Amino acid sequence: MSQAVQDNSTLQGHLDELEKEFVELRNRVIGIKPVKKDWRRTVGMMPDDELSRKAQRLGAEWRRNGSEN
């Protein structure tokens, strides 16, 4: 019987800890404000290098070919 009591107290301790973590996470999520989408924030995010230029070129090709289907 003492094992059952110990298991219940351990379980209650885990539940209490999970409830605290949930409240913290919920408060973080509620406090998050949406990012203002603006082209000025996007400019300069990718470096001007060969890989970026290739990605841009492939994206343009994909959009051109995708519009034909």
C-alpha atoms as a PDB file:
ATOM      1  CA  MET A   1       0.000   0.000   0.000  1.00  0.00           C
ATOM      2  CA  SER A   2       2.878   2.406   0.733  1.00  0.00           C
ATOM      3  CA  GLN A   3       4.067   1.932  -2.876  1.00  0.00           C
ATOM      4  CA  ALA A   4       0.678   3.120  -4.151  1.00  0.00           C
ATOM      5  CA  VAL A   5       0.832   6.191  -1.901  1.00  0.00           C
ATOM      6  CA  GLN A   6       4.364   6.944  -3.071  1.00  0.00           C
ATOM      7  CA  ASP A   7       3.344   6.535  -6.728  1.00  0.00           C
ATOM      8  CA  ASN A   8       0.438   8.931  -6.234  1.00  0.00           C
ATOM      9  CA  SER A   9       2.650  11.585  -4.621  1.00  0.00           C
ATOM     10  CA  THR A  10       5.233  11.199  -7.401  1.00  0.00           C
ATOM     11  CA  LEU A  11       2.509  11.430 -10.009  1.00  0.00           C
ATOM     12  CA  GLN A  12       1.092  14.532  -8.323  1.00  0.00           C
ATOM     13  CA  GLY A  13       4.559  16.090  -8.288  1.00  0.00           C
ATOM     14  CA  HIS A  14       4.958  15.442 -12.018  1.00  0.00           C
ATOM     15  CA  LEU A  15       1.496  16.848 -12.683  1.00  0.00           C
ATOM     16  CA  ASP A  16       2.262  19.990 -10.663  1.00  0.00           C
ATOM     17  CA  GLU A  17       5.492  20.510 -12.596  1.00  0.00           C
ATOM     18  CA  LEU A  18       3.747  20.043 -15.947  1.00  0.00           C
ATOM     19  CA  GLU A  19       1.066  22.542 -14.954  1.00  0.00           C
ATOM     20  CA  LYS A  20       3.746  25.135 -14.091  1.00  0.00           C
ATOM     21  CA  GLU A  21       5.506  24.575 -17.416  1.00  0.00           C
ATOM     22  CA  PHE A  22       2.207  24.848 -19.279  1.00  0.00           C
ATOM     23  CA  VAL A  23       1.395  28.179 -17.640  1.00  0.00           C
ATOM     24  CA  GLU A  24       4.861  29.513 -18.514  1.00  0.00           C
ATOM     25  CA  LEU A  25       4.588  28.383 -22.138  1.00  0.00           C
ATOM     26  CA  ARG A  26       1.046  29.712 -22.472  1.00  0.00           C
ATOM     27  CA  ASN A  27       2.130  33.104 -21.161  1.00  0.00           C
ATOM     28  CA  ARG A  28       5.019  33.182 -23.643  1.00  0.00           C
ATOM     29  CA  VAL A  29       2.736  32.355 -26.557  1.00  0.00           C
ATOM     30  CA  ILE A  30       0.122  34.897 -25.512  1.00  0.00           C
ATOM     31  CA  GLY A  31       2.861  37.511 -25.214  1.00  0.00           C
ATOM     32  CA  ILE A  32       4.163  36.908 -28.738  1.00  0.00           C
ATOM     33  CA  LYS A  33       3.160  39.631 -31.133  1.00  0.00           C
ATOM     34  CA  PRO A  34       2.841  38.922 -34.852  1.00  0.00           C
ATOM     35  CA  VAL A  35       5.750  40.112 -36.952  1.00  0.00           C
ATOM     36  CA  LYS A  36       4.878  42.985 -39.219  1.00  0.00           C
ATOM     37  CA  LYS A  37       5.386  41.724 -42.766  1.00  0.00           C
ATOM     38  CA  ASP A  38       7.183  44.396 -44.692  1.00  0.00           C
ATOM     39  CA  TRP A  39       9.500  44.177 -47.682  1.00  0.00           C
ATOM     40  CA  ARG A  40      11.955  46.486 -45.910  1.00  0.00           C
ATOM     41  CA  ARG A  41      12.511  43.815 -43.259  1.00  0.00           C
ATOM     42  CA  THR A  42      13.226  41.210 -45.935  1.00  0.00           C
ATOM     43  CA  VAL A  43      15.736  43.164 -48.007  1.00  0.00           C
ATOM     44  CA  GLY A  44      19.277  42.098 -47.215  1.00  0.00           C
ATOM     45  CA  MET A  45      18.350  38.942 -45.315  1.00  0.00           C
ATOM     46  CA  MET A  46      20.015  36.707 -47.895  1.00  0.00           C
ATOM     47  CA  PRO A  47      23.651  37.273 -48.800  1.00  0.00           C
ATOM     48  CA  ASP A  48      24.525  38.297 -52.341  1.00  0.00           C
ATOM     49  CA  ASP A  49      26.489  35.192 -53.264  1.00  0.00           C
ATOM     50  CA  GLU A  50      26.428  32.486 -55.914  1.00  0.00           C
ATOM     51  CA  LEU A  51      24.129  30.214 -53.908  1.00  0.00           C
ATOM     52  CA  SER A  52      21.543  32.966 -53.379  1.00  0.00           C
ATOM     53  CA  ARG A  53      21.624  33.975 -57.039  1.00  0.00           C
ATOM     54  CA  LYS A  54      21.184  30.327 -58.062  1.00  0.00           C
ATOM     55  CA  ALA A  55      18.230  29.958 -55.691  1.00  0.00           C
ATOM     56  CA  GLN A  56      16.656  33.089 -57.155  1.00  0.00           C
ATOM     57  CA  ARG A  57      17.193  31.862 -60.718  1.00  0.00           C
ATOM     58  CA  LEU A  58      15.769  28.406 -59.976  1.00  0.00           C
ATOM     59  CA  GLY A  59      12.760  29.944 -58.229  1.00  0.00           C
ATOM     60  CA  ALA A  60      12.049  32.177 -61.232  1.00  0.00           C
ATOM     61  CA  GLU A  61      12.326  29.186 -63.594  1.00  0.00           C
ATOM     62  CA  TRP A  62      10.022  27.131 -61.403  1.00  0.00           C
ATOM     63  CA  ARG A  63       7.423  29.916 -61.316  1.00  0.00           C
ATOM     64  CA  ARG A  64       7.581  30.299 -65.108  1.00  0.00           C
ATOM     65  CA  ASN A  65       7.234  26.550 -65.725  1.00  0.00           C
ATOM     66  CA  GLY A  66       4.612  26.161 -63.000  1.00  0.00           C
ATOM     67  CA  SER A  67       2.346  28.748 -64.593  1.00  0.00           C
ATOM     68  CA  GLU A  68       2.283  26.740 -67.828  1.00  0.00           C
ATOM     69  CA  ASN A  69       0.733  23.678 -66.148  1.00  0.00           C
END
